[in-house]
Amino acid sequence: MSACDPREQFIHLVRLGLDLRGLGVRTSLVVPVGGRPVLEIRSAGETRTRITVIRRACGWAFIWRPWWARLRRPGQWIWAEADNAADVIVSAVIA
């Protein structure tokens, strides 16, 4: 698989979506024709957050802030293979 294989991105996002739904979070998987798949989650206040998955040197990572926000706010990503990825995202985005 290539460094930005959309199939592998899709698999990671589906797994995260199922984990988040298990925690009671509303999720939607967005698969655009010409772009990367994105997982949208909604908080109780109807705030939408888009989560993408990117390939890094050591593996896949979920990110949930735009690149310019990550420059000012570190810690807005987690490794996709982490067992607690859904818990970390819920505490960072919903809480």
N, C-alpha and C. Protein backbone atom coordinates (compact mmCIF):
# COMPACT_ATOMS: atom_id res chain seq x y z
N MET A 1 0.83 -1.18 0.00
CA MET A 1 0.00 0.00 0.00
C MET A 1 0.88 1.24 0.00
N SER A 2 0.42 2.27 -0.66
CA SER A 2 1.21 3.50 -0.76
C SER A 2 1.10 4.32 0.51
N ALA A 3 1.87 5.39 0.57
CA ALA A 3 1.93 6.23 1.77
C ALA A 3 0.60 6.92 2.07
N CYS A 4 -0.21 7.16 1.07
CA CYS A 4 -1.50 7.82 1.32
C CYS A 4 -2.62 7.01 0.66
N ASP A 5 -2.62 5.73 0.90
CA ASP A 5 -3.61 4.83 0.32
C ASP A 5 -4.98 5.13 0.93
N PRO A 6 -5.97 5.53 0.11
CA PRO A 6 -7.29 5.85 0.66
C PRO A 6 -7.99 4.64 1.28
N ARG A 7 -7.66 3.44 0.83
CA ARG A 7 -8.28 2.24 1.44
C ARG A 7 -7.83 2.08 2.88
N GLU A 8 -6.56 2.28 3.12
CA GLU A 8 -6.06 2.15 4.49
C GLU A 8 -6.57 3.29 5.37
N GLN A 9 -6.66 4.49 4.82
CA GLN A 9 -7.25 5.60 5.56
C GLN A 9 -8.69 5.27 5.93
N PHE A 10 -9.44 4.74 4.99
CA PHE A 10 -10.83 4.37 5.21
C PHE A 10 -10.95 3.35 6.34
N ILE A 11 -10.10 2.34 6.32
CA ILE A 11 -10.14 1.29 7.35
C ILE A 11 -9.90 1.88 8.74
N HIS A 12 -8.91 2.75 8.87
CA HIS A 12 -8.62 3.37 10.18
C HIS A 12 -9.80 4.23 10.64
N LEU A 13 -10.39 4.99 9.72
CA LEU A 13 -11.51 5.86 10.10
C LEU A 13 -12.75 5.06 10.47
N VAL A 14 -13.02 3.96 9.78
CA VAL A 14 -14.17 3.12 10.12
C VAL A 14 -13.98 2.53 11.51
N ARG A 15 -12.78 2.03 11.80
CA ARG A 15 -12.51 1.47 13.11
C ARG A 15 -12.68 2.52 14.21
N LEU A 16 -12.17 3.74 13.96
CA LEU A 16 -12.34 4.81 14.94
C LEU A 16 -13.81 5.17 15.10
N GLY A 17 -14.53 5.24 13.99
CA GLY A 17 -15.96 5.55 14.05
C GLY A 17 -16.73 4.55 14.89
N LEU A 18 -16.42 3.28 14.75
CA LEU A 18 -17.08 2.25 15.56
C LEU A 18 -16.72 2.39 17.03
N ASP A 19 -15.45 2.68 17.31
CA ASP A 19 -15.05 2.89 18.70
C ASP A 19 -15.74 4.10 19.31
N LEU A 20 -15.86 5.18 18.55
CA LEU A 20 -16.54 6.38 19.05
C LEU A 20 -18.03 6.14 19.26
N ARG A 21 -18.65 5.42 18.34
CA ARG A 21 -20.07 5.10 18.52
C ARG A 21 -20.30 4.25 19.76
N GLY A 22 -19.34 3.38 20.07
CA GLY A 22 -19.41 2.60 21.30
C GLY A 22 -19.36 3.47 22.54
N LEU A 23 -18.78 4.67 22.41
CA LEU A 23 -18.74 5.62 23.52
C LEU A 23 -19.93 6.59 23.50
N GLY A 24 -20.84 6.40 22.54
CA GLY A 24 -22.04 7.24 22.46
C GLY A 24 -21.87 8.51 21.66
N VAL A 25 -20.85 8.59 20.82
CA VAL A 25 -20.58 9.78 20.02
C VAL A 25 -21.18 9.58 18.63
N ARG A 26 -21.87 10.61 18.13
CA ARG A 26 -22.44 10.54 16.78
C ARG A 26 -21.34 10.79 15.76
N THR A 27 -21.24 9.87 14.80
CA THR A 27 -20.21 9.98 13.78
C THR A 27 -20.80 9.85 12.38
N SER A 28 -20.11 10.42 11.42
CA SER A 28 -20.46 10.28 10.00
C SER A 28 -19.17 10.14 9.22
N LEU A 29 -19.12 9.16 8.35
CA LEU A 29 -17.96 8.98 7.50
C LEU A 29 -18.23 9.66 6.16
N VAL A 30 -17.35 10.60 5.80
CA VAL A 30 -17.48 11.35 4.55
C VAL A 30 -16.41 10.84 3.60
N VAL A 31 -16.85 10.35 2.44
CA VAL A 31 -15.92 9.81 1.45
C VAL A 31 -16.11 10.60 0.16
N PRO A 32 -15.36 11.69 -0.03
CA PRO A 32 -15.50 12.48 -1.25
C PRO A 32 -14.91 11.75 -2.46
N VAL A 33 -15.40 12.08 -3.63
CA VAL A 33 -14.94 11.42 -4.86
C VAL A 33 -13.47 11.69 -5.10
N GLY A 34 -13.04 12.92 -4.93
CA GLY A 34 -11.67 13.27 -5.27
C GLY A 34 -10.78 13.60 -4.11
N GLY A 35 -11.17 13.29 -2.91
CA GLY A 35 -10.35 13.67 -1.76
C GLY A 35 -10.19 12.54 -0.77
N ARG A 36 -9.65 12.89 0.38
CA ARG A 36 -9.42 11.92 1.44
C ARG A 36 -10.70 11.68 2.23
N PRO A 37 -10.87 10.46 2.76
CA PRO A 37 -12.01 10.22 3.65
C PRO A 37 -11.83 10.97 4.96
N VAL A 38 -12.94 11.38 5.55
CA VAL A 38 -12.94 12.17 6.79
C VAL A 38 -14.03 11.62 7.70
N LEU A 39 -13.75 11.55 8.98
CA LEU A 39 -14.75 11.17 9.97
C LEU A 39 -15.22 12.42 10.68
N GLU A 40 -16.51 12.70 10.61
CA GLU A 40 -17.08 13.86 11.32
C GLU A 40 -17.73 13.38 12.60
N ILE A 41 -17.44 14.09 13.69
CA ILE A 41 -18.13 13.82 14.94
C ILE A 41 -18.82 15.10 15.38
N ARG A 42 -19.92 14.91 16.08
CA ARG A 42 -20.70 16.06 16.56
C ARG A 42 -20.81 16.02 18.06
N SER A 43 -20.57 17.16 18.66
CA SER A 43 -20.72 17.26 20.11
C SER A 43 -22.17 17.59 20.43
N ALA A 44 -22.49 17.65 21.70
CA ALA A 44 -23.86 17.93 22.12
C ALA A 44 -24.32 19.30 21.63
N GLY A 45 -23.40 20.24 21.50
CA GLY A 45 -23.73 21.58 21.03
C GLY A 45 -23.76 21.69 19.51
N GLU A 46 -23.79 20.55 18.83
CA GLU A 46 -23.83 20.48 17.36
C GLU A 46 -22.56 21.03 16.70
N THR A 47 -21.46 21.07 17.44
CA THR A 47 -20.19 21.48 16.87
C THR A 47 -19.61 20.29 16.12
N ARG A 48 -19.23 20.51 14.86
CA ARG A 48 -18.66 19.45 14.04
C ARG A 48 -17.15 19.50 14.08
N THR A 49 -16.54 18.34 14.24
CA THR A 49 -15.10 18.21 14.18
C THR A 49 -14.78 17.16 13.14
N ARG A 50 -13.85 17.47 12.25
CA ARG A 50 -13.43 16.53 11.21
C ARG A 50 -12.12 15.89 11.61
N ILE A 51 -12.10 14.57 11.56
CA ILE A 51 -10.91 13.81 11.89
C ILE A 51 -10.40 13.17 10.61
N THR A 52 -9.11 13.37 10.35
CA THR A 52 -8.48 12.73 9.21
C THR A 52 -7.37 11.82 9.72
N VAL A 53 -6.91 10.96 8.86
CA VAL A 53 -5.81 10.08 9.21
C VAL A 53 -4.70 10.29 8.18
N ILE A 54 -3.49 10.46 8.69
CA ILE A 54 -2.35 10.71 7.79
C ILE A 54 -1.24 9.72 8.10
N ARG A 55 -0.41 9.50 7.12
CA ARG A 55 0.72 8.60 7.28
C ARG A 55 1.91 9.41 7.78
N ARG A 56 2.50 8.98 8.87
CA ARG A 56 3.72 9.58 9.40
C ARG A 56 4.84 8.56 9.31
N ALA A 57 6.04 8.94 9.66
CA ALA A 57 7.20 8.06 9.53
C ALA A 57 7.03 6.76 10.32
N CYS A 58 6.40 6.84 11.47
CA CYS A 58 6.28 5.66 12.35
C CYS A 58 4.92 4.98 12.27
N GLY A 59 4.03 5.44 11.43
CA GLY A 59 2.71 4.81 11.32
C GLY A 59 1.64 5.83 10.98
N TRP A 60 0.39 5.45 11.19
CA TRP A 60 -0.76 6.29 10.88
C TRP A 60 -1.17 7.07 12.12
N ALA A 61 -1.63 8.31 11.91
CA ALA A 61 -2.05 9.17 13.02
C ALA A 61 -3.37 9.84 12.69
N PHE A 62 -4.25 9.93 13.70
CA PHE A 62 -5.48 10.70 13.58
C PHE A 62 -5.19 12.15 13.94
N ILE A 63 -5.69 13.08 13.15
CA ILE A 63 -5.58 14.51 13.48
C ILE A 63 -6.96 15.12 13.44
N TRP A 64 -7.21 16.08 14.31
CA TRP A 64 -8.55 16.68 14.36
C TRP A 64 -8.53 18.19 14.41
N ARG A 65 -7.45 18.79 14.10
CA ARG A 65 -7.37 20.24 13.97
C ARG A 65 -6.69 20.57 12.66
N PRO A 66 -7.00 21.70 12.05
CA PRO A 66 -6.29 22.10 10.83
C PRO A 66 -4.80 22.30 11.12
N TRP A 67 -3.98 22.25 10.10
CA TRP A 67 -2.54 22.35 10.28
C TRP A 67 -2.14 23.63 10.99
N TRP A 68 -2.82 24.74 10.69
CA TRP A 68 -2.45 26.01 11.31
C TRP A 68 -2.81 26.03 12.79
N ALA A 69 -3.85 25.33 13.19
CA ALA A 69 -4.20 25.27 14.62
C ALA A 69 -3.24 24.37 15.38
N ARG A 70 -2.73 23.32 14.72
CA ARG A 70 -1.80 22.42 15.38
C ARG A 70 -0.48 23.12 15.68
N LEU A 71 -0.15 24.15 14.91
CA LEU A 71 1.08 24.88 15.18
C LEU A 71 0.99 25.62 16.51
N ARG A 72 -0.20 26.10 16.84
CA ARG A 72 -0.38 26.83 18.09
C ARG A 72 -0.82 25.94 19.25
N ARG A 73 -1.43 24.80 18.93
CA ARG A 73 -1.96 23.92 19.97
C ARG A 73 -1.43 22.51 19.75
N PRO A 74 -0.26 22.20 20.30
CA PRO A 74 0.27 20.86 20.12
C PRO A 74 -0.60 19.83 20.84
N GLY A 75 -0.46 18.58 20.46
CA GLY A 75 -1.24 17.52 21.11
C GLY A 75 -2.59 17.30 20.48
N GLN A 76 -2.78 17.70 19.24
CA GLN A 76 -4.06 17.54 18.56
C GLN A 76 -4.03 16.35 17.61
N TRP A 77 -3.30 15.33 17.97
CA TRP A 77 -3.23 14.11 17.17
C TRP A 77 -2.91 12.94 18.08
N ILE A 78 -3.17 11.72 17.58
CA ILE A 78 -2.84 10.49 18.31
C ILE A 78 -2.58 9.40 17.29
N TRP A 79 -1.73 8.46 17.63
CA TRP A 79 -1.45 7.35 16.73
C TRP A 79 -2.71 6.53 16.51
N ALA A 80 -2.95 6.14 15.29
CA ALA A 80 -4.16 5.39 14.94
C ALA A 80 -4.19 4.01 15.60
N GLU A 81 -3.04 3.44 15.88
CA GLU A 81 -2.98 2.11 16.48
C GLU A 81 -3.12 2.14 18.00
N ALA A 82 -3.20 3.32 18.60
CA ALA A 82 -3.32 3.42 20.05
C ALA A 82 -4.66 2.82 20.51
N ASP A 83 -4.61 2.04 21.58
CA ASP A 83 -5.82 1.40 22.10
C ASP A 83 -6.83 2.41 22.63
N ASN A 84 -6.34 3.56 23.09
CA ASN A 84 -7.22 4.57 23.69
C ASN A 84 -7.47 5.76 22.76
N ALA A 85 -7.33 5.58 21.45
CA ALA A 85 -7.48 6.70 20.52
C ALA A 85 -8.86 7.34 20.63
N ALA A 86 -9.91 6.55 20.69
CA ALA A 86 -11.26 7.11 20.79
C ALA A 86 -11.44 7.89 22.08
N ASP A 87 -10.93 7.38 23.19
CA ASP A 87 -11.04 8.08 24.47
C ASP A 87 -10.31 9.41 24.45
N VAL A 88 -9.12 9.43 23.87
CA VAL A 88 -8.35 10.67 23.81
C VAL A 88 -9.07 11.70 22.94
N ILE A 89 -9.60 11.27 21.81
CA ILE A 89 -10.31 12.19 20.91
C ILE A 89 -11.56 12.73 21.59
N VAL A 90 -12.32 11.88 22.27
CA VAL A 90 -13.52 12.35 22.96
C VAL A 90 -13.15 13.37 24.02
N SER A 91 -12.12 13.12 24.80
CA SER A 91 -11.75 14.07 25.86
C SER A 91 -11.23 15.38 25.30
N ALA A 92 -10.57 15.34 24.13
CA ALA A 92 -10.03 16.57 23.54
C ALA A 92 -11.07 17.36 22.77
N VAL A 93 -12.00 16.70 22.13
CA VAL A 93 -12.95 17.38 21.25
C VAL A 93 -14.27 17.67 21.92
N ILE A 94 -14.82 16.72 22.63
CA ILE A 94 -16.17 16.86 23.19
C ILE A 94 -16.15 17.54 24.55
N ALA A 95 -15.16 17.23 25.34
CA ALA A 95 -15.13 17.78 26.72
C ALA A 95 -14.79 19.24 26.75
